Amino acid sequence: MGNYELMDDDHGSDEDLMSAVRNGRFEEMEHLFERHHPALVAYCAKITGDRDLAKDMAQETFFRIFRSRESFEEGSRFTPWIYSVARNACLDHLRRRRPIAVDPAILDLKDESVLAPEHLEHRENLDRLENALLRLEPAKRELILLARDETKGYREIARSLGISLSSLKVRVHRAMKELRSIYREMEHELV
């Protein structure tokens, strides 16, 4: 998965380490944690919009992986599986509570693929965009944030979500269309 996928080191591949954990060698979780924790925090931050919450969600991801270690299928790739677990942990958390304020540094949405740049030069318009994102349901917000992640391509995102590339493109397009609509509605509310 782009920069999230790490090279094997002298401890073996991620798949070998997870197989070892699955077979009772729990100390191997430490190597998986060291390899993936920083990237998982960044991934969770993009979904939740909160760096501190992202750290908690990355930790939750490792707890879930350990608890469900038997569900890791031999012969499958570890990286898509761990990101699927992280995604579910974040979405479960967001469903249980109201969306939190989105950190604009995480969003980094100042480009024309979201809204015209001239609108985003003013802080009030960035605030409106942030609020429009928060009005989206978490799954749609996640799609937009994942699509904005320059470290991952659409193929990797589709694979991690377990959907086809064309389905991902349609979902991102629809989420962006809804975001634009919400943004414009909020713009008219101010008039």
C-alpha atoms as a PDB file:
ATOM      1  CA  MET A   1       0.000   0.000   0.000  1.00  0.00           C
ATOM      2  CA  GLY A   2       2.244   2.753  -1.176  1.00  0.00           C
ATOM      3  CA  ASN A   3       4.481   4.095   1.576  1.00  0.00           C
ATOM      4  CA  TYR A   4       2.487   2.157   4.155  1.00  0.00           C
ATOM      5  CA  GLU A   5       3.861  -1.173   2.990  1.00  0.00           C
ATOM      6  CA  LEU A   6       7.206  -1.786   4.576  1.00  0.00           C
ATOM      7  CA  MET A   7      10.073  -3.923   3.457  1.00  0.00           C
ATOM      8  CA  ASP A   8      10.877  -7.146   5.256  1.00  0.00           C
ATOM      9  CA  ASP A   9      13.745  -6.937   7.701  1.00  0.00           C
ATOM     10  CA  ASP A  10      15.716  -9.603   9.538  1.00  0.00           C
ATOM     11  CA  HIS A  11      12.561 -10.574  11.432  1.00  0.00           C
ATOM     12  CA  GLY A  12      10.833 -11.823   8.289  1.00  0.00           C
ATOM     13  CA  SER A  13       7.819 -10.678   6.351  1.00  0.00           C
ATOM     14  CA  ASP A  14       4.711  -9.262   7.958  1.00  0.00           C
ATOM     15  CA  GLU A  15       2.861 -12.398   6.920  1.00  0.00           C
ATOM     16  CA  ASP A  16       5.470 -14.626   8.600  1.00  0.00           C
ATOM     17  CA  LEU A  17       5.321 -12.544  11.777  1.00  0.00           C
ATOM     18  CA  MET A  18       1.518 -12.662  11.858  1.00  0.00           C
ATOM     19  CA  SER A  19       1.584 -16.415  11.319  1.00  0.00           C
ATOM     20  CA  ALA A  20       3.970 -16.704  14.252  1.00  0.00           C
ATOM     21  CA  VAL A  21       1.625 -14.606  16.424  1.00  0.00           C
ATOM     22  CA  ARG A  22      -1.284 -16.747  15.297  1.00  0.00           C
ATOM     23  CA  ASN A  23       0.685 -19.824  16.399  1.00  0.00           C
ATOM     24  CA  GLY A  24       1.379 -18.489  19.888  1.00  0.00           C
ATOM     25  CA  ARG A  25       4.611 -16.515  19.462  1.00  0.00           C
ATOM     26  CA  PHE A  26       3.061 -13.322  20.799  1.00  0.00           C
ATOM     27  CA  GLU A  27       6.375 -11.491  21.123  1.00  0.00           C
ATOM     28  CA  GLU A  28       6.373 -11.104  17.319  1.00  0.00           C
ATOM     29  CA  MET A  29       3.571  -8.509  17.669  1.00  0.00           C
ATOM     30  CA  GLU A  30       6.264  -6.075  18.795  1.00  0.00           C
ATOM     31  CA  HIS A  31       7.920  -6.206  15.366  1.00  0.00           C
ATOM     32  CA  LEU A  32       4.606  -5.659  13.599  1.00  0.00           C
ATOM     33  CA  PHE A  33       3.904  -2.741  15.915  1.00  0.00           C
ATOM     34  CA  GLU A  34       7.293  -1.148  15.231  1.00  0.00           C
ATOM     35  CA  ARG A  35       6.822  -1.492  11.477  1.00  0.00           C
ATOM     36  CA  HIS A  36       3.258  -0.263  11.170  1.00  0.00           C
ATOM     37  CA  HIS A  37       2.411   1.980  14.115  1.00  0.00           C
ATOM     38  CA  PRO A  38       3.559   5.347  12.648  1.00  0.00           C
ATOM     39  CA  ALA A  39       1.788   4.730   9.324  1.00  0.00           C
ATOM     40  CA  LEU A  40      -1.368   3.526  11.101  1.00  0.00           C
ATOM     41  CA  VAL A  41      -1.469   6.701  13.202  1.00  0.00           C
ATOM     42  CA  ALA A  42      -1.248   8.772  10.007  1.00  0.00           C
ATOM     43  CA  TYR A  43      -3.950   6.660   8.345  1.00  0.00           C
ATOM     44  CA  CYS A  44      -6.281   6.911  11.352  1.00  0.00           C
ATOM     45  CA  ALA A  45      -5.687  10.669  11.561  1.00  0.00           C
ATOM     46  CA  LYS A  46      -6.954  11.022   8.012  1.00  0.00           C
ATOM     47  CA  ILE A  47     -10.144   9.186   8.923  1.00  0.00           C
ATOM     48  CA  THR A  48     -10.806  10.769  12.318  1.00  0.00           C
ATOM     49  CA  GLY A  49      -9.354  14.234  11.771  1.00  0.00           C
ATOM     50  CA  ASP A  50      -7.746  14.102  15.214  1.00  0.00           C
ATOM     51  CA  ARG A  51      -4.108  13.164  15.828  1.00  0.00           C
ATOM     52  CA  ASP A  52      -4.591  12.166  19.478  1.00  0.00           C
ATOM     53  CA  LEU A  53      -7.614  10.026  18.654  1.00  0.00           C
ATOM     54  CA  ALA A  54      -5.627   8.507  15.785  1.00  0.00           C
ATOM     55  CA  LYS A  55      -2.996   7.280  18.249  1.00  0.00           C
ATOM     56  CA  ASP A  56      -5.741   5.609  20.287  1.00  0.00           C
ATOM     57  CA  MET A  57      -7.249   4.072  17.160  1.00  0.00           C
ATOM     58  CA  ALA A  58      -3.875   2.715  16.036  1.00  0.00           C
ATOM     59  CA  GLN A  59      -3.483   1.133  19.472  1.00  0.00           C
ATOM     60  CA  GLU A  60      -7.028  -0.264  19.205  1.00  0.00           C
ATOM     61  CA  THR A  61      -6.090  -1.725  15.829  1.00  0.00           C
ATOM     62  CA  PHE A  62      -3.280  -3.740  17.384  1.00  0.00           C
ATOM     63  CA  PHE A  63      -5.562  -4.939  20.188  1.00  0.00           C
ATOM     64  CA  ARG A  64      -8.099  -6.079  17.593  1.00  0.00           C
ATOM     65  CA  ILE A  65      -5.415  -7.803  15.547  1.00  0.00           C
ATOM     66  CA  PHE A  66      -4.210  -9.675  18.581  1.00  0.00           C
ATOM     67  CA  ARG A  67      -7.733 -10.641  19.677  1.00  0.00           C
ATOM     68  CA  SER A  68      -8.680 -11.830  16.196  1.00  0.00           C
ATOM     69  CA  ARG A  69      -5.307 -13.281  15.214  1.00  0.00           C
ATOM     70  CA  GLU A  70      -6.948 -16.576  14.218  1.00  0.00           C
ATOM     71  CA  SER A  71      -8.907 -14.751  11.507  1.00  0.00           C
ATOM     72  CA  PHE A  72      -5.729 -13.888   9.605  1.00  0.00           C
ATOM     73  CA  GLU A  73      -5.739 -16.351   6.740  1.00  0.00           C
ATOM     74  CA  GLU A  74      -2.509 -18.072   5.762  1.00  0.00           C
ATOM     75  CA  GLY A  75      -1.422 -16.919   2.331  1.00  0.00           C
ATOM     76  CA  SER A  76      -3.173 -13.541   2.536  1.00  0.00           C
ATOM     77  CA  ARG A  77      -1.387 -10.211   2.615  1.00  0.00           C
ATOM     78  CA  PHE A  78      -0.978  -8.563   6.000  1.00  0.00           C
ATOM     79  CA  THR A  79      -0.975  -4.886   4.982  1.00  0.00           C
ATOM     80  CA  PRO A  80      -4.485  -4.732   3.459  1.00  0.00           C
ATOM     81  CA  TRP A  81      -5.777  -6.710   6.439  1.00  0.00           C
ATOM     82  CA  ILE A  82      -4.308  -4.388   9.087  1.00  0.00           C
ATOM     83  CA  TYR A  83      -5.645  -1.304   7.281  1.00  0.00           C
ATOM     84  CA  SER A  84      -9.064  -2.899   7.072  1.00  0.00           C
ATOM     85  CA  VAL A  85      -8.963  -3.501  10.828  1.00  0.00           C
ATOM     86  CA  ALA A  86      -7.818   0.104  11.416  1.00  0.00           C
ATOM     87  CA  ARG A  87     -10.557   1.472   9.170  1.00  0.00           C
ATOM     88  CA  ASN A  88     -13.201  -0.507  11.053  1.00  0.00           C
ATOM     89  CA  ALA A  89     -11.837   0.611  14.422  1.00  0.00           C
ATOM     90  CA  CYS A  90     -12.016   4.265  13.361  1.00  0.00           C
ATOM     91  CA  LEU A  91     -15.482   3.996  11.835  1.00  0.00           C
ATOM     92  CA  ASP A  92     -16.809   2.101  14.866  1.00  0.00           C
ATOM     93  CA  HIS A  93     -15.507   4.851  17.111  1.00  0.00           C
ATOM     94  CA  LEU A  94     -16.956   7.630  14.932  1.00  0.00           C
ATOM     95  CA  ARG A  95     -20.353   5.927  14.841  1.00  0.00           C
ATOM     96  CA  ARG A  96     -20.448   5.784  18.647  1.00  0.00           C
ATOM     97  CA  ARG A  97     -19.860   9.495  19.139  1.00  0.00           C
ATOM     98  CA  ARG A  98     -20.471  12.784  17.413  1.00  0.00           C
ATOM     99  CA  PRO A  99     -17.810  13.738  14.882  1.00  0.00           C
ATOM    100  CA  ILE A 100     -14.966  15.734  16.356  1.00  0.00           C
ATOM    101  CA  ALA A 101     -13.439  18.906  14.974  1.00  0.00           C
ATOM    102  CA  VAL A 102     -11.251  18.197  11.980  1.00  0.00           C
ATOM    103  CA  ASP A 103      -7.703  19.472  12.137  1.00  0.00           C
ATOM    104  CA  PRO A 104      -7.177  21.541   8.932  1.00  0.00           C
ATOM    105  CA  ALA A 105      -3.531  20.466   8.815  1.00  0.00           C
ATOM    106  CA  ILE A 106      -4.694  16.882   8.361  1.00  0.00           C
ATOM    107  CA  LEU A 107      -7.224  17.800   5.710  1.00  0.00           C
ATOM    108  CA  ASP A 108      -4.910  19.889   3.563  1.00  0.00           C
ATOM    109  CA  LEU A 109      -7.771  20.508   1.148  1.00  0.00           C
ATOM    110  CA  LYS A 110      -6.516  23.727  -0.435  1.00  0.00           C
ATOM    111  CA  ASP A 111      -6.670  22.621  -4.033  1.00  0.00           C
ATOM    112  CA  GLU A 112      -9.068  22.893  -6.891  1.00  0.00           C
ATOM    113  CA  SER A 113     -10.049  19.234  -6.855  1.00  0.00           C
ATOM    114  CA  VAL A 114     -12.260  19.970  -3.846  1.00  0.00           C
ATOM    115  CA  LEU A 115     -13.323  23.586  -4.262  1.00  0.00           C
ATOM    116  CA  ALA A 116     -12.035  26.591  -6.153  1.00  0.00           C
ATOM    117  CA  PRO A 117      -8.816  27.803  -4.480  1.00  0.00           C
ATOM    118  CA  GLU A 118      -9.970  31.400  -4.394  1.00  0.00           C
ATOM    119  CA  HIS A 119     -12.712  30.355  -1.979  1.00  0.00           C
ATOM    120  CA  LEU A 120     -10.253  28.723   0.387  1.00  0.00           C
ATOM    121  CA  GLU A 121      -7.924  31.670   0.778  1.00  0.00           C
ATOM    122  CA  HIS A 122     -10.129  32.960   3.566  1.00  0.00           C
ATOM    123  CA  ARG A 123     -10.266  31.264   6.945  1.00  0.00           C
ATOM    124  CA  GLU A 124     -14.068  31.389   7.075  1.00  0.00           C
ATOM    125  CA  ASN A 125     -14.280  29.322   3.888  1.00  0.00           C
ATOM    126  CA  LEU A 126     -11.843  26.747   5.247  1.00  0.00           C
ATOM    127  CA  ASP A 127     -13.957  26.567   8.396  1.00  0.00           C
ATOM    128  CA  ARG A 128     -17.043  26.051   6.235  1.00  0.00           C
ATOM    129  CA  LEU A 129     -15.299  23.266   4.340  1.00  0.00           C
ATOM    130  CA  GLU A 130     -14.284  21.645   7.616  1.00  0.00           C
ATOM    131  CA  ASN A 131     -17.889  21.810   8.828  1.00  0.00           C
ATOM    132  CA  ALA A 132     -19.166  20.466   5.501  1.00  0.00           C
ATOM    133  CA  LEU A 133     -16.830  17.474   5.879  1.00  0.00           C
ATOM    134  CA  LEU A 134     -18.163  16.863   9.363  1.00  0.00           C
ATOM    135  CA  ARG A 135     -21.723  16.780   8.000  1.00  0.00           C
ATOM    136  CA  LEU A 136     -20.826  13.866   5.762  1.00  0.00           C
ATOM    137  CA  GLU A 137     -21.331  10.428   7.192  1.00  0.00           C
ATOM    138  CA  PRO A 138     -18.001   8.976   8.400  1.00  0.00           C
ATOM    139  CA  ALA A 139     -17.646   6.475   5.540  1.00  0.00           C
ATOM    140  CA  LYS A 140     -17.970   9.231   2.910  1.00  0.00           C
ATOM    141  CA  ARG A 141     -15.594  11.512   4.809  1.00  0.00           C
ATOM    142  CA  GLU A 142     -13.117   8.633   4.946  1.00  0.00           C
ATOM    143  CA  LEU A 143     -13.330   8.131   1.184  1.00  0.00           C
ATOM    144  CA  ILE A 144     -12.544  11.786   0.526  1.00  0.00           C
ATOM    145  CA  LEU A 145      -9.643  11.806   2.963  1.00  0.00           C
ATOM    146  CA  LEU A 146      -8.244   8.564   1.574  1.00  0.00           C
ATOM    147  CA  ALA A 147      -8.534   9.891  -1.983  1.00  0.00           C
ATOM    148  CA  ARG A 148      -6.537  12.972  -0.875  1.00  0.00           C
ATOM    149  CA  ASP A 149      -3.784  10.790   0.604  1.00  0.00           C
ATOM    150  CA  GLU A 150      -0.902  11.165  -1.839  1.00  0.00           C
ATOM    151  CA  THR A 151       0.941   8.160  -0.394  1.00  0.00           C
ATOM    152  CA  LYS A 152      -1.696   5.717  -1.637  1.00  0.00           C
ATOM    153  CA  GLY A 153      -3.142   5.201  -5.066  1.00  0.00           C
ATOM    154  CA  TYR A 154      -6.725   4.339  -5.868  1.00  0.00           C
ATOM    155  CA  ARG A 155      -5.819   0.678  -6.482  1.00  0.00           C
ATOM    156  CA  GLU A 156      -4.390   0.337  -2.970  1.00  0.00           C
ATOM    157  CA  ILE A 157      -7.372   2.128  -1.450  1.00  0.00           C
ATOM    158  CA  ALA A 158      -9.834  -0.088  -3.336  1.00  0.00           C
ATOM    159  CA  ARG A 159      -7.949  -3.206  -2.260  1.00  0.00           C
ATOM    160  CA  SER A 160      -7.900  -2.106   1.399  1.00  0.00           C
ATOM    161  CA  LEU A 161     -11.654  -1.434   1.301  1.00  0.00           C
ATOM    162  CA  GLY A 162     -12.369  -4.701  -0.480  1.00  0.00           C
ATOM    163  CA  ILE A 163     -14.073  -3.062  -3.467  1.00  0.00           C
ATOM    164  CA  SER A 164     -13.325  -2.734  -7.166  1.00  0.00           C
ATOM    165  CA  LEU A 165     -11.410   0.223  -8.547  1.00  0.00           C
ATOM    166  CA  SER A 166     -14.423   1.407 -10.544  1.00  0.00           C
ATOM    167  CA  SER A 167     -16.651   1.164  -7.469  1.00  0.00           C
ATOM    168  CA  LEU A 168     -14.158   3.247  -5.491  1.00  0.00           C
ATOM    169  CA  LYS A 169     -14.084   5.927  -8.185  1.00  0.00           C
ATOM    170  CA  VAL A 170     -17.884   6.114  -8.228  1.00  0.00           C
ATOM    171  CA  ARG A 171     -18.065   6.340  -4.422  1.00  0.00           C
ATOM    172  CA  VAL A 172     -15.398   9.057  -4.244  1.00  0.00           C
ATOM    173  CA  HIS A 173     -17.141  11.008  -7.010  1.00  0.00           C
ATOM    174  CA  ARG A 174     -20.482  10.793  -5.169  1.00  0.00           C
ATOM    175  CA  ALA A 175     -18.920  11.765  -1.836  1.00  0.00           C
ATOM    176  CA  MET A 176     -17.215  14.772  -3.451  1.00  0.00           C
ATOM    177  CA  LYS A 177     -20.472  15.769  -5.117  1.00  0.00           C
ATOM    178  CA  GLU A 178     -22.247  15.600  -1.756  1.00  0.00           C
ATOM    179  CA  LEU A 179     -19.448  17.599  -0.107  1.00  0.00           C
ATOM    180  CA  ARG A 180     -19.729  20.318  -2.752  1.00  0.00           C
ATOM    181  CA  SER A 181     -23.509  20.399  -2.303  1.00  0.00           C
ATOM    182  CA  ILE A 182     -23.236  20.724   1.481  1.00  0.00           C
ATOM    183  CA  TYR A 183     -20.584  23.418   1.091  1.00  0.00           C
ATOM    184  CA  ARG A 184     -22.767  25.412  -1.285  1.00  0.00           C
ATOM    185  CA  GLU A 185     -25.789  25.069   1.029  1.00  0.00           C
ATOM    186  CA  MET A 186     -23.723  26.398   3.905  1.00  0.00           C
ATOM    187  CA  GLU A 187     -22.566  29.261   1.680  1.00  0.00           C
ATOM    188  CA  HIS A 188     -26.214  30.182   0.973  1.00  0.00           C
ATOM    189  CA  GLU A 189     -27.121  29.916   4.685  1.00  0.00           C
ATOM    190  CA  LEU A 190     -24.760  32.810   5.323  1.00  0.00           C
ATOM    191  CA  VAL A 191     -26.461  35.098   2.780  1.00  0.00           C
END
